[in-house]
C-alpha cells in the first residue's frame, strides 16, 4: 500500500491546524473511522475541530488542572461549552506519561537517579516530533477513560505549542498495555 504523508515546514500554527483537521477528516471518511481524539490546551483548536468533525465522535483531551498554576484549568469554560454543544466530549485527566513520578522533579528532594519510564517513552516519541508524542499519549488517556475502543482504529491529533500539526491513524490501548498500541498511518506531521 502506498500512502501520501504531508510534511509541514514549521511546527504548530494556525495554517497547519486548518490543514491537519481537513486531512484528518478526509482520511477518517476514507477509512470509515468514527472517532477522533484531539489535544487542546485552551480550547481554540477544539472549537475549530468541533465544527469540522460534526458527524464524528470527538474526544478533546486537555491539560490536567493545575498543569501550570494550582487550581487553574487552561481549557476555558466557553470552549468547553462550545465543544459540548456540538456533541464533543472534553476529557481532563492525568497525563499518561507523567503520573506520580513527575512529583519528584518538582519537590526539594534530590532528583531521582534515572528517568522514569514515562519520561523515556515521551522523549523517544518526541524524536518524531512533539505532536507525535501528544497524539500517542492522548489516545492512551482516552482509552483509559473508556472513551475510545481498543479494537477499533481512531484518528489522534496532536500539536507543537499552539494548534494541531500531527494526525495519526492508530489503534489505542490502555496505559498498562501501552506497547500494544499500534500507529498504523501518519497523515501529517512537521518536518
N, C-alpha and C. Protein backbone atom coordinates (compact mmCIF):
# COMPACT_ATOMS: atom_id res chain seq x y z
N UNK A 1 0.84 -1.17 0.00
CA UNK A 1 0.00 0.00 0.00
C UNK A 1 0.89 1.24 0.00
N UNK A 2 0.50 2.19 -0.76
CA UNK A 2 1.24 3.44 -0.80
C UNK A 2 0.31 4.55 -0.34
N UNK A 3 0.79 5.38 0.60
CA UNK A 3 0.01 6.50 1.14
C UNK A 3 0.87 7.74 1.13
N UNK A 4 0.23 8.87 0.96
CA UNK A 4 0.93 10.16 0.97
C UNK A 4 0.91 10.72 2.38
N UNK A 5 2.06 11.22 2.84
CA UNK A 5 2.17 11.91 4.13
C UNK A 5 2.48 13.37 3.83
N UNK A 6 1.77 14.27 4.49
CA UNK A 6 2.03 15.70 4.34
C UNK A 6 3.00 16.12 5.44
N UNK A 7 4.08 16.79 5.04
CA UNK A 7 5.08 17.29 5.99
C UNK A 7 5.01 18.82 6.00
N UNK A 8 4.83 19.40 7.17
CA UNK A 8 4.80 20.85 7.31
C UNK A 8 6.21 21.38 7.51
N UNK A 9 6.52 22.53 6.94
CA UNK A 9 7.84 23.14 7.08
C UNK A 9 8.13 23.54 8.52
N UNK A 10 7.12 24.06 9.21
CA UNK A 10 7.28 24.51 10.60
C UNK A 10 6.22 23.85 11.47
N UNK A 11 6.51 23.62 12.75
CA UNK A 11 5.51 23.02 13.63
C UNK A 11 4.47 24.04 14.11
N UNK A 12 3.35 23.50 14.62
CA UNK A 12 2.30 24.34 15.22
C UNK A 12 1.67 25.27 14.22
N UNK A 13 0.95 26.26 14.73
CA UNK A 13 0.44 27.33 13.90
C UNK A 13 -0.97 27.14 13.37
N UNK A 14 -1.57 28.26 13.03
CA UNK A 14 -2.95 28.30 12.55
C UNK A 14 -3.12 27.60 11.21
N UNK A 15 -2.23 27.85 10.26
CA UNK A 15 -2.35 27.25 8.94
C UNK A 15 -2.22 25.73 9.01
N UNK A 16 -1.28 25.24 9.80
CA UNK A 16 -1.13 23.79 9.96
C UNK A 16 -2.37 23.18 10.61
N UNK A 17 -2.97 23.90 11.55
CA UNK A 17 -4.17 23.40 12.23
C UNK A 17 -5.28 23.16 11.21
N UNK A 18 -5.54 24.15 10.39
CA UNK A 18 -6.60 24.01 9.38
C UNK A 18 -6.33 22.82 8.48
N UNK A 19 -5.12 22.72 7.97
CA UNK A 19 -4.79 21.62 7.06
C UNK A 19 -4.83 20.27 7.77
N UNK A 20 -4.36 20.21 9.00
CA UNK A 20 -4.37 18.96 9.77
C UNK A 20 -5.80 18.46 9.96
N UNK A 21 -6.71 19.36 10.33
CA UNK A 21 -8.10 18.96 10.54
C UNK A 21 -8.74 18.47 9.24
N UNK A 22 -8.48 19.16 8.14
CA UNK A 22 -9.04 18.77 6.84
C UNK A 22 -8.49 17.40 6.42
N UNK A 23 -7.18 17.22 6.55
CA UNK A 23 -6.56 15.94 6.18
C UNK A 23 -7.08 14.80 7.05
N UNK A 24 -7.20 15.05 8.35
CA UNK A 24 -7.67 14.02 9.27
C UNK A 24 -9.11 13.62 8.95
N UNK A 25 -9.95 14.59 8.65
CA UNK A 25 -11.34 14.29 8.32
C UNK A 25 -11.42 13.47 7.03
N UNK A 26 -10.65 13.85 6.03
CA UNK A 26 -10.67 13.12 4.76
C UNK A 26 -10.23 11.67 4.96
N UNK A 27 -9.20 11.46 5.77
CA UNK A 27 -8.72 10.09 6.00
C UNK A 27 -9.72 9.29 6.82
N UNK A 28 -10.33 9.93 7.81
CA UNK A 28 -11.36 9.25 8.61
C UNK A 28 -12.52 8.80 7.73
N UNK A 29 -12.95 9.68 6.83
CA UNK A 29 -14.04 9.32 5.93
C UNK A 29 -13.64 8.18 5.00
N UNK A 30 -12.41 8.23 4.50
CA UNK A 30 -11.95 7.18 3.58
C UNK A 30 -11.88 5.82 4.26
N UNK A 31 -11.51 5.80 5.53
CA UNK A 31 -11.35 4.54 6.26
C UNK A 31 -12.59 4.14 7.06
N UNK A 32 -13.60 5.00 7.09
CA UNK A 32 -14.79 4.70 7.88
C UNK A 32 -14.55 4.83 9.38
N UNK A 33 -13.56 5.62 9.77
CA UNK A 33 -13.26 5.84 11.18
C UNK A 33 -14.28 6.81 11.76
N UNK A 34 -14.78 6.48 12.94
CA UNK A 34 -15.85 7.27 13.55
C UNK A 34 -15.38 8.13 14.73
N UNK A 35 -14.19 7.86 15.27
CA UNK A 35 -13.74 8.53 16.49
C UNK A 35 -12.47 9.32 16.23
N UNK A 36 -12.49 10.57 16.69
CA UNK A 36 -11.35 11.48 16.58
C UNK A 36 -10.96 11.89 17.99
N UNK A 37 -9.68 11.80 18.31
CA UNK A 37 -9.16 12.27 19.59
C UNK A 37 -8.24 13.44 19.29
N UNK A 38 -8.40 14.53 20.04
CA UNK A 38 -7.69 15.76 19.75
C UNK A 38 -7.17 16.39 21.03
N UNK A 39 -5.94 16.85 21.01
CA UNK A 39 -5.37 17.58 22.15
C UNK A 39 -5.71 19.06 22.00
N UNK A 40 -6.06 19.70 23.12
CA UNK A 40 -6.31 21.14 23.10
C UNK A 40 -6.02 21.71 24.48
N UNK A 41 -5.25 22.79 24.51
CA UNK A 41 -4.86 23.39 25.78
C UNK A 41 -5.90 24.38 26.29
N UNK A 42 -6.19 25.42 25.50
CA UNK A 42 -7.16 26.43 25.95
C UNK A 42 -8.51 26.26 25.27
N UNK A 43 -8.56 25.54 24.15
CA UNK A 43 -9.83 25.23 23.51
C UNK A 43 -10.03 25.77 22.12
N UNK A 44 -9.16 26.64 21.64
CA UNK A 44 -9.35 27.21 20.30
C UNK A 44 -9.34 26.11 19.23
N UNK A 45 -8.38 25.22 19.30
CA UNK A 45 -8.30 24.13 18.33
C UNK A 45 -9.49 23.20 18.48
N UNK A 46 -9.93 22.97 19.70
CA UNK A 46 -11.07 22.09 19.96
C UNK A 46 -12.35 22.64 19.36
N UNK A 47 -12.57 23.94 19.49
CA UNK A 47 -13.77 24.56 18.94
C UNK A 47 -13.76 24.44 17.41
N UNK A 48 -12.61 24.67 16.80
CA UNK A 48 -12.49 24.51 15.34
C UNK A 48 -12.77 23.06 14.95
N UNK A 49 -12.22 22.13 15.70
CA UNK A 49 -12.41 20.70 15.40
C UNK A 49 -13.87 20.30 15.57
N UNK A 50 -14.56 20.87 16.55
CA UNK A 50 -15.98 20.55 16.75
C UNK A 50 -16.81 20.94 15.53
N UNK A 51 -16.40 21.99 14.84
CA UNK A 51 -17.08 22.38 13.60
C UNK A 51 -16.76 21.40 12.47
N UNK A 52 -15.51 20.99 12.37
CA UNK A 52 -15.07 20.09 11.29
C UNK A 52 -15.62 18.68 11.46
N UNK A 53 -15.61 18.16 12.69
CA UNK A 53 -15.94 16.76 12.95
C UNK A 53 -17.35 16.59 13.54
N UNK A 54 -18.33 17.23 12.95
CA UNK A 54 -19.69 17.19 13.50
C UNK A 54 -20.35 15.82 13.41
N UNK A 55 -20.01 15.00 12.46
CA UNK A 55 -20.63 13.68 12.32
C UNK A 55 -19.78 12.58 12.96
N UNK A 56 -18.78 12.96 13.72
CA UNK A 56 -17.86 12.01 14.34
C UNK A 56 -17.98 12.09 15.86
N UNK A 57 -17.48 11.08 16.53
CA UNK A 57 -17.32 11.16 17.98
C UNK A 57 -16.00 11.90 18.20
N UNK A 58 -16.06 13.09 18.78
CA UNK A 58 -14.88 13.91 19.03
C UNK A 58 -14.57 13.90 20.52
N UNK A 59 -13.39 13.43 20.88
CA UNK A 59 -12.91 13.43 22.25
C UNK A 59 -11.76 14.42 22.34
N UNK A 60 -11.94 15.48 23.12
CA UNK A 60 -10.92 16.50 23.29
C UNK A 60 -10.23 16.27 24.63
N UNK A 61 -8.91 16.13 24.59
CA UNK A 61 -8.13 15.88 25.80
C UNK A 61 -7.37 17.16 26.16
N UNK A 62 -7.58 17.63 27.38
CA UNK A 62 -6.98 18.88 27.85
C UNK A 62 -5.74 18.59 28.70
N UNK A 63 -5.03 19.66 29.06
CA UNK A 63 -4.01 19.55 30.11
C UNK A 63 -4.72 19.23 31.42
N UNK A 64 -4.00 18.66 32.35
CA UNK A 64 -4.56 18.45 33.69
C UNK A 64 -4.81 19.80 34.34
N UNK A 65 -5.75 19.83 35.26
CA UNK A 65 -5.94 21.03 36.07
C UNK A 65 -4.69 21.20 36.92
N UNK A 66 -4.22 22.44 37.04
CA UNK A 66 -3.00 22.71 37.80
C UNK A 66 -1.73 22.47 37.02
N UNK A 67 -1.82 22.25 35.71
CA UNK A 67 -0.63 21.96 34.89
C UNK A 67 0.40 23.08 35.00
N UNK A 68 -0.05 24.33 34.89
CA UNK A 68 0.86 25.47 35.00
C UNK A 68 0.67 26.26 36.30
N UNK A 69 -0.55 26.26 36.82
CA UNK A 69 -0.85 27.04 38.02
C UNK A 69 -1.88 26.29 38.85
N UNK A 70 -1.65 26.19 40.15
CA UNK A 70 -2.54 25.45 41.04
C UNK A 70 -3.98 25.92 40.90
N UNK A 71 -4.88 24.95 40.92
CA UNK A 71 -6.32 25.21 40.90
C UNK A 71 -6.80 25.96 39.65
N UNK A 72 -6.06 25.83 38.57
CA UNK A 72 -6.41 26.53 37.34
C UNK A 72 -6.49 25.53 36.19
N UNK A 73 -7.57 25.63 35.42
CA UNK A 73 -7.75 24.84 34.22
C UNK A 73 -7.60 25.78 33.03
N UNK A 74 -6.64 25.48 32.15
CA UNK A 74 -6.37 26.32 30.98
C UNK A 74 -7.48 26.27 29.94
N UNK A 75 -8.14 25.12 29.82
CA UNK A 75 -9.23 24.95 28.85
C UNK A 75 -10.40 25.79 29.35
N UNK A 76 -10.81 26.78 28.57
CA UNK A 76 -11.79 27.74 29.05
C UNK A 76 -13.20 27.14 29.13
N UNK A 77 -14.00 27.70 30.03
CA UNK A 77 -15.39 27.27 30.16
C UNK A 77 -16.15 27.52 28.86
N UNK A 78 -15.85 28.62 28.17
CA UNK A 78 -16.51 28.94 26.91
C UNK A 78 -16.19 27.88 25.85
N UNK A 79 -14.93 27.47 25.80
CA UNK A 79 -14.54 26.44 24.83
C UNK A 79 -15.21 25.11 25.15
N UNK A 80 -15.25 24.76 26.42
CA UNK A 80 -15.88 23.51 26.83
C UNK A 80 -17.35 23.51 26.43
N UNK A 81 -18.03 24.60 26.70
CA UNK A 81 -19.45 24.71 26.35
C UNK A 81 -19.64 24.59 24.84
N UNK A 82 -18.81 25.28 24.06
CA UNK A 82 -18.93 25.24 22.59
C UNK A 82 -18.71 23.83 22.05
N UNK A 83 -17.70 23.13 22.58
CA UNK A 83 -17.42 21.77 22.12
C UNK A 83 -18.56 20.83 22.49
N UNK A 84 -19.02 20.92 23.73
CA UNK A 84 -20.08 20.01 24.19
C UNK A 84 -21.41 20.29 23.50
N UNK A 85 -21.69 21.54 23.16
CA UNK A 85 -22.93 21.87 22.44
C UNK A 85 -22.95 21.24 21.05
N UNK A 86 -21.78 20.98 20.50
CA UNK A 86 -21.68 20.35 19.17
C UNK A 86 -21.48 18.84 19.28
N UNK A 87 -21.65 18.30 20.49
CA UNK A 87 -21.58 16.85 20.68
C UNK A 87 -20.23 16.31 21.07
N UNK A 88 -19.22 17.17 21.22
CA UNK A 88 -17.90 16.72 21.63
C UNK A 88 -17.83 16.39 23.11
N UNK A 89 -16.83 15.62 23.46
CA UNK A 89 -16.57 15.22 24.85
C UNK A 89 -15.24 15.83 25.26
N UNK A 90 -15.19 16.47 26.42
CA UNK A 90 -13.95 17.06 26.92
C UNK A 90 -13.45 16.20 28.08
N UNK A 91 -12.22 15.71 27.95
CA UNK A 91 -11.60 14.86 28.96
C UNK A 91 -10.42 15.57 29.59
N UNK A 92 -10.46 15.71 30.92
CA UNK A 92 -9.34 16.25 31.68
C UNK A 92 -8.92 15.16 32.65
N UNK A 93 -7.68 14.70 32.53
CA UNK A 93 -7.20 13.61 33.37
C UNK A 93 -5.69 13.66 33.46
N UNK A 94 -5.12 12.82 34.27
CA UNK A 94 -3.66 12.75 34.42
C UNK A 94 -3.00 12.38 33.10
N UNK A 95 -1.90 13.05 32.80
CA UNK A 95 -1.15 12.71 31.59
C UNK A 95 -0.59 11.29 31.72
N UNK A 96 -0.81 10.50 30.70
CA UNK A 96 -0.42 9.09 30.75
C UNK A 96 1.07 8.90 30.96
N UNK A 97 1.90 9.76 30.39
CA UNK A 97 3.35 9.59 30.52
C UNK A 97 3.90 10.33 31.73
N UNK A 98 3.07 11.11 32.43
CA UNK A 98 3.53 11.92 33.56
C UNK A 98 3.40 11.21 34.88
N UNK A 99 2.17 11.02 35.32
CA UNK A 99 1.90 10.31 36.55
C UNK A 99 2.62 10.84 37.78
N UNK A 100 2.70 10.02 38.78
CA UNK A 100 3.23 10.41 40.08
C UNK A 100 4.73 10.70 40.05
N UNK A 101 5.47 10.07 39.17
CA UNK A 101 6.92 10.28 39.16
C UNK A 101 7.30 11.73 38.86
N UNK A 102 6.43 12.48 38.20
CA UNK A 102 6.75 13.88 37.91
C UNK A 102 6.84 14.70 39.19
N UNK A 103 6.17 14.25 40.24
CA UNK A 103 6.23 14.98 41.50
C UNK A 103 7.66 15.03 42.03
N UNK A 104 8.45 14.03 41.73
CA UNK A 104 9.84 14.02 42.18
C UNK A 104 10.65 15.15 41.56
N UNK A 105 10.28 15.56 40.36
CA UNK A 105 11.00 16.63 39.69
C UNK A 105 10.64 18.01 40.21
N UNK A 106 9.56 18.11 40.97
CA UNK A 106 9.10 19.42 41.44
C UNK A 106 9.22 19.58 42.96
N UNK A 107 9.83 18.64 43.63
CA UNK A 107 9.98 18.74 45.08
C UNK A 107 11.40 19.18 45.40
N UNK A 108 11.66 19.38 46.69
CA UNK A 108 13.01 19.74 47.12
C UNK A 108 13.89 18.52 47.34
N UNK A 109 13.31 17.36 47.10
CA UNK A 109 14.09 16.13 47.26
C UNK A 109 15.19 16.08 46.19
N UNK A 110 16.24 15.31 46.44
CA UNK A 110 17.25 15.14 45.38
C UNK A 110 16.57 14.52 44.15
N UNK A 111 17.05 14.85 42.96
CA UNK A 111 16.42 14.28 41.76
C UNK A 111 16.55 12.76 41.75
N UNK A 112 15.61 12.08 41.09
CA UNK A 112 15.69 10.62 41.02
C UNK A 112 16.95 10.20 40.27
N UNK A 113 17.46 9.00 40.55
CA UNK A 113 18.70 8.57 39.92
C UNK A 113 18.60 8.38 38.42
N UNK A 114 17.41 8.14 37.91
CA UNK A 114 17.25 7.97 36.46
C UNK A 114 15.84 8.41 36.06
N UNK A 115 15.66 8.59 34.79
CA UNK A 115 14.34 8.96 34.30
C UNK A 115 13.35 7.84 34.52
N UNK A 116 12.11 8.20 34.77
CA UNK A 116 11.06 7.21 34.87
C UNK A 116 10.69 6.74 33.46
N UNK A 117 10.08 5.58 33.36
CA UNK A 117 9.76 5.01 32.06
C UNK A 117 8.86 5.91 31.24
N UNK A 118 7.92 6.62 31.88
CA UNK A 118 7.05 7.55 31.15
C UNK A 118 7.84 8.64 30.45
N UNK A 119 8.87 9.15 31.12
CA UNK A 119 9.72 10.17 30.51
C UNK A 119 10.52 9.60 29.34
N UNK A 120 10.97 8.37 29.48
CA UNK A 120 11.72 7.73 28.40
C UNK A 120 10.83 7.54 27.18
N UNK A 121 9.60 7.06 27.39
CA UNK A 121 8.66 6.89 26.28
C UNK A 121 8.36 8.24 25.64
N UNK A 122 8.05 9.25 26.45
CA UNK A 122 7.72 10.58 25.92
C UNK A 122 8.88 11.16 25.12
N UNK A 123 10.08 11.07 25.66
CA UNK A 123 11.24 11.63 24.96
C UNK A 123 11.58 10.85 23.70
N UNK A 124 11.34 9.56 23.70
CA UNK A 124 11.57 8.76 22.49
C UNK A 124 10.58 9.17 21.40
N UNK A 125 9.30 9.32 21.76
CA UNK A 125 8.31 9.74 20.77
C UNK A 125 8.59 11.14 20.25
N UNK A 126 9.16 12.02 21.08
CA UNK A 126 9.48 13.38 20.65
C UNK A 126 10.53 13.41 19.53
N UNK A 127 11.28 12.34 19.38
CA UNK A 127 12.23 12.24 18.27
C UNK A 127 11.47 12.42 16.95
N UNK A 128 10.23 11.96 16.91
CA UNK A 128 9.39 12.07 15.72
C UNK A 128 8.59 13.37 15.71
N UNK A 129 8.72 14.18 16.76
CA UNK A 129 8.01 15.45 16.88
C UNK A 129 7.12 15.49 18.10
N UNK A 130 6.94 16.68 18.64
CA UNK A 130 6.09 16.85 19.83
C UNK A 130 4.67 16.37 19.57
N UNK A 131 4.15 16.65 18.38
CA UNK A 131 2.79 16.23 18.05
C UNK A 131 2.63 14.72 18.05
N UNK A 132 3.67 13.99 17.67
CA UNK A 132 3.64 12.52 17.69
C UNK A 132 3.48 12.02 19.13
N UNK A 133 4.26 12.60 20.02
CA UNK A 133 4.17 12.24 21.45
C UNK A 133 2.78 12.53 21.98
N UNK A 134 2.27 13.72 21.67
CA UNK A 134 0.96 14.13 22.16
C UNK A 134 -0.14 13.23 21.61
N UNK A 135 -0.11 12.94 20.31
CA UNK A 135 -1.15 12.11 19.70
C UNK A 135 -1.18 10.71 20.31
N UNK A 136 -0.02 10.15 20.58
CA UNK A 136 0.03 8.82 21.21
C UNK A 136 -0.47 8.87 22.66
N UNK A 137 -0.04 9.89 23.39
CA UNK A 137 -0.41 9.99 24.81
C UNK A 137 -1.90 10.22 24.99
N UNK A 138 -2.51 11.10 24.20
CA UNK A 138 -3.94 11.38 24.39
C UNK A 138 -4.80 10.18 24.00
N UNK A 139 -4.33 9.38 23.05
CA UNK A 139 -5.07 8.18 22.67
C UNK A 139 -5.15 7.21 23.85
N UNK A 140 -4.04 7.06 24.55
CA UNK A 140 -3.99 6.20 25.74
C UNK A 140 -4.89 6.76 26.84
N UNK A 141 -4.85 8.06 27.03
CA UNK A 141 -5.67 8.70 28.06
C UNK A 141 -7.16 8.51 27.76
N UNK A 142 -7.54 8.65 26.50
CA UNK A 142 -8.94 8.45 26.11
C UNK A 142 -9.36 6.99 26.28
N UNK A 143 -8.45 6.06 25.98
CA UNK A 143 -8.76 4.64 26.18
C UNK A 143 -8.94 4.34 27.66
N UNK A 144 -8.04 4.85 28.50
CA UNK A 144 -8.16 4.63 29.94
C UNK A 144 -9.49 5.15 30.49
N UNK A 145 -10.00 6.24 29.90
CA UNK A 145 -11.26 6.83 30.35
C UNK A 145 -12.48 6.12 29.75
N UNK A 146 -12.24 5.13 28.90
CA UNK A 146 -13.34 4.39 28.28
C UNK A 146 -14.02 5.15 27.15
N UNK A 147 -13.35 6.16 26.61
CA UNK A 147 -13.95 6.99 25.56
C UNK A 147 -13.58 6.54 24.15
N UNK A 148 -12.59 5.66 24.02
CA UNK A 148 -12.29 5.04 22.73
C UNK A 148 -12.13 3.55 22.94
N UNK A 149 -12.47 2.81 21.93
CA UNK A 149 -12.33 1.36 21.99
C UNK A 149 -10.91 0.97 21.59
N UNK A 150 -10.44 -0.14 22.12
CA UNK A 150 -9.09 -0.61 21.79
C UNK A 150 -9.10 -1.59 20.61
N UNK A 151 -10.28 -1.91 20.12
CA UNK A 151 -10.37 -2.83 18.98
C UNK A 151 -10.83 -2.12 17.71
N UNK A 152 -10.74 -0.79 17.69
CA UNK A 152 -11.11 -0.01 16.52
C UNK A 152 -10.03 1.03 16.22
N UNK A 153 -9.88 1.37 14.96
CA UNK A 153 -8.95 2.43 14.59
C UNK A 153 -9.59 3.79 14.89
N UNK A 154 -8.76 4.73 15.31
CA UNK A 154 -9.18 6.10 15.55
C UNK A 154 -8.19 7.02 14.84
N UNK A 155 -8.54 8.30 14.79
CA UNK A 155 -7.56 9.30 14.38
C UNK A 155 -7.23 10.11 15.61
N UNK A 156 -5.95 10.28 15.87
CA UNK A 156 -5.50 11.06 17.01
C UNK A 156 -4.68 12.24 16.50
N UNK A 157 -5.00 13.43 17.03
CA UNK A 157 -4.41 14.68 16.54
C UNK A 157 -3.72 15.42 17.68
N UNK A 158 -2.45 15.71 17.49
CA UNK A 158 -1.66 16.47 18.47
C UNK A 158 -0.99 17.65 17.81
N UNK A 159 -0.22 18.36 18.59
CA UNK A 159 0.45 19.52 18.04
C UNK A 159 1.68 19.91 18.82
N UNK A 160 2.30 20.97 18.35
CA UNK A 160 3.50 21.53 18.94
C UNK A 160 3.18 22.94 19.39
N UNK A 161 3.24 23.21 20.66
CA UNK A 161 2.87 24.54 21.15
C UNK A 161 1.38 24.75 20.98
N UNK A 162 1.01 25.72 20.17
CA UNK A 162 -0.40 26.00 19.90
C UNK A 162 -0.80 25.44 18.55
N UNK A 163 -2.00 24.89 18.47
CA UNK A 163 -2.52 24.37 17.22
C UNK A 163 -2.18 22.91 17.00
N UNK A 164 -2.72 22.38 15.92
CA UNK A 164 -2.52 20.98 15.56
C UNK A 164 -1.58 20.88 14.36
N UNK A 165 -0.68 19.88 14.39
CA UNK A 165 0.23 19.69 13.27
C UNK A 165 0.56 18.22 13.00
N UNK A 166 -0.06 17.33 13.76
CA UNK A 166 0.22 15.90 13.60
C UNK A 166 -1.09 15.13 13.68
N UNK A 167 -1.33 14.26 12.71
CA UNK A 167 -2.51 13.40 12.74
C UNK A 167 -2.09 11.97 12.41
N UNK A 168 -2.60 11.04 13.20
CA UNK A 168 -2.25 9.63 13.06
C UNK A 168 -3.50 8.77 12.98
N UNK A 169 -3.43 7.70 12.23
CA UNK A 169 -4.41 6.63 12.33
C UNK A 169 -3.77 5.62 13.27
N UNK A 170 -4.48 5.30 14.34
CA UNK A 170 -3.91 4.34 15.27
C UNK A 170 -4.98 3.51 15.95
N UNK A 171 -4.53 2.46 16.58
CA UNK A 171 -5.38 1.63 17.41
C UNK A 171 -4.85 1.79 18.82
N UNK A 172 -5.64 2.47 19.65
CA UNK A 172 -5.21 2.80 21.01
C UNK A 172 -5.23 1.57 21.91
N UNK A 173 -4.58 1.70 23.04
CA UNK A 173 -4.68 0.71 24.11
C UNK A 173 -4.55 1.45 25.42
N UNK A 174 -4.73 0.74 26.51
CA UNK A 174 -4.68 1.33 27.84
C UNK A 174 -3.23 1.57 28.25
N UNK A 175 -3.04 2.46 29.21
CA UNK A 175 -1.67 2.80 29.62
C UNK A 175 -0.93 1.55 30.13
N UNK A 176 -1.63 0.66 30.81
CA UNK A 176 -0.95 -0.54 31.33
C UNK A 176 -0.65 -1.54 30.21
N UNK A 177 -1.16 -1.29 29.01
CA UNK A 177 -0.86 -2.12 27.84
C UNK A 177 -0.33 -1.25 26.70
N UNK A 178 0.36 -0.16 27.06
CA UNK A 178 0.79 0.86 26.10
C UNK A 178 1.50 0.27 24.89
N UNK A 179 2.35 -0.71 25.08
CA UNK A 179 3.15 -1.23 23.97
C UNK A 179 2.34 -2.10 23.01
N UNK A 180 1.05 -2.26 23.28
CA UNK A 180 0.15 -2.93 22.34
C UNK A 180 -0.50 -1.92 21.39
N UNK A 181 -0.35 -0.62 21.68
CA UNK A 181 -0.90 0.40 20.79
C UNK A 181 -0.19 0.30 19.44
N UNK A 182 -0.95 0.52 18.36
CA UNK A 182 -0.38 0.43 17.02
C UNK A 182 -0.63 1.72 16.26
N UNK A 183 0.45 2.40 15.87
CA UNK A 183 0.35 3.54 14.96
C UNK A 183 0.33 2.95 13.56
N UNK A 184 -0.80 3.12 12.87
CA UNK A 184 -0.98 2.47 11.57
C UNK A 184 -0.60 3.40 10.41
N UNK A 185 -0.86 4.70 10.56
CA UNK A 185 -0.55 5.64 9.49
C UNK A 185 -0.21 6.99 10.07
N UNK A 186 0.70 7.68 9.42
CA UNK A 186 0.96 9.09 9.71
C UNK A 186 0.29 9.87 8.58
N UNK A 187 -0.67 10.70 8.93
CA UNK A 187 -1.38 11.51 7.94
C UNK A 187 -0.57 12.77 7.64
N UNK A 188 -0.09 13.42 8.71
CA UNK A 188 0.72 14.62 8.55
C UNK A 188 1.52 14.85 9.83
N UNK A 189 2.62 15.61 9.67
CA UNK A 189 3.48 15.98 10.80
C UNK A 189 4.44 17.06 10.34
N UNK A 190 5.02 17.79 11.27
CA UNK A 190 6.06 18.74 10.88
C UNK A 190 7.32 18.01 10.42
N UNK A 191 8.02 18.62 9.49
CA UNK A 191 9.27 18.06 9.00
C UNK A 191 10.37 18.45 9.96
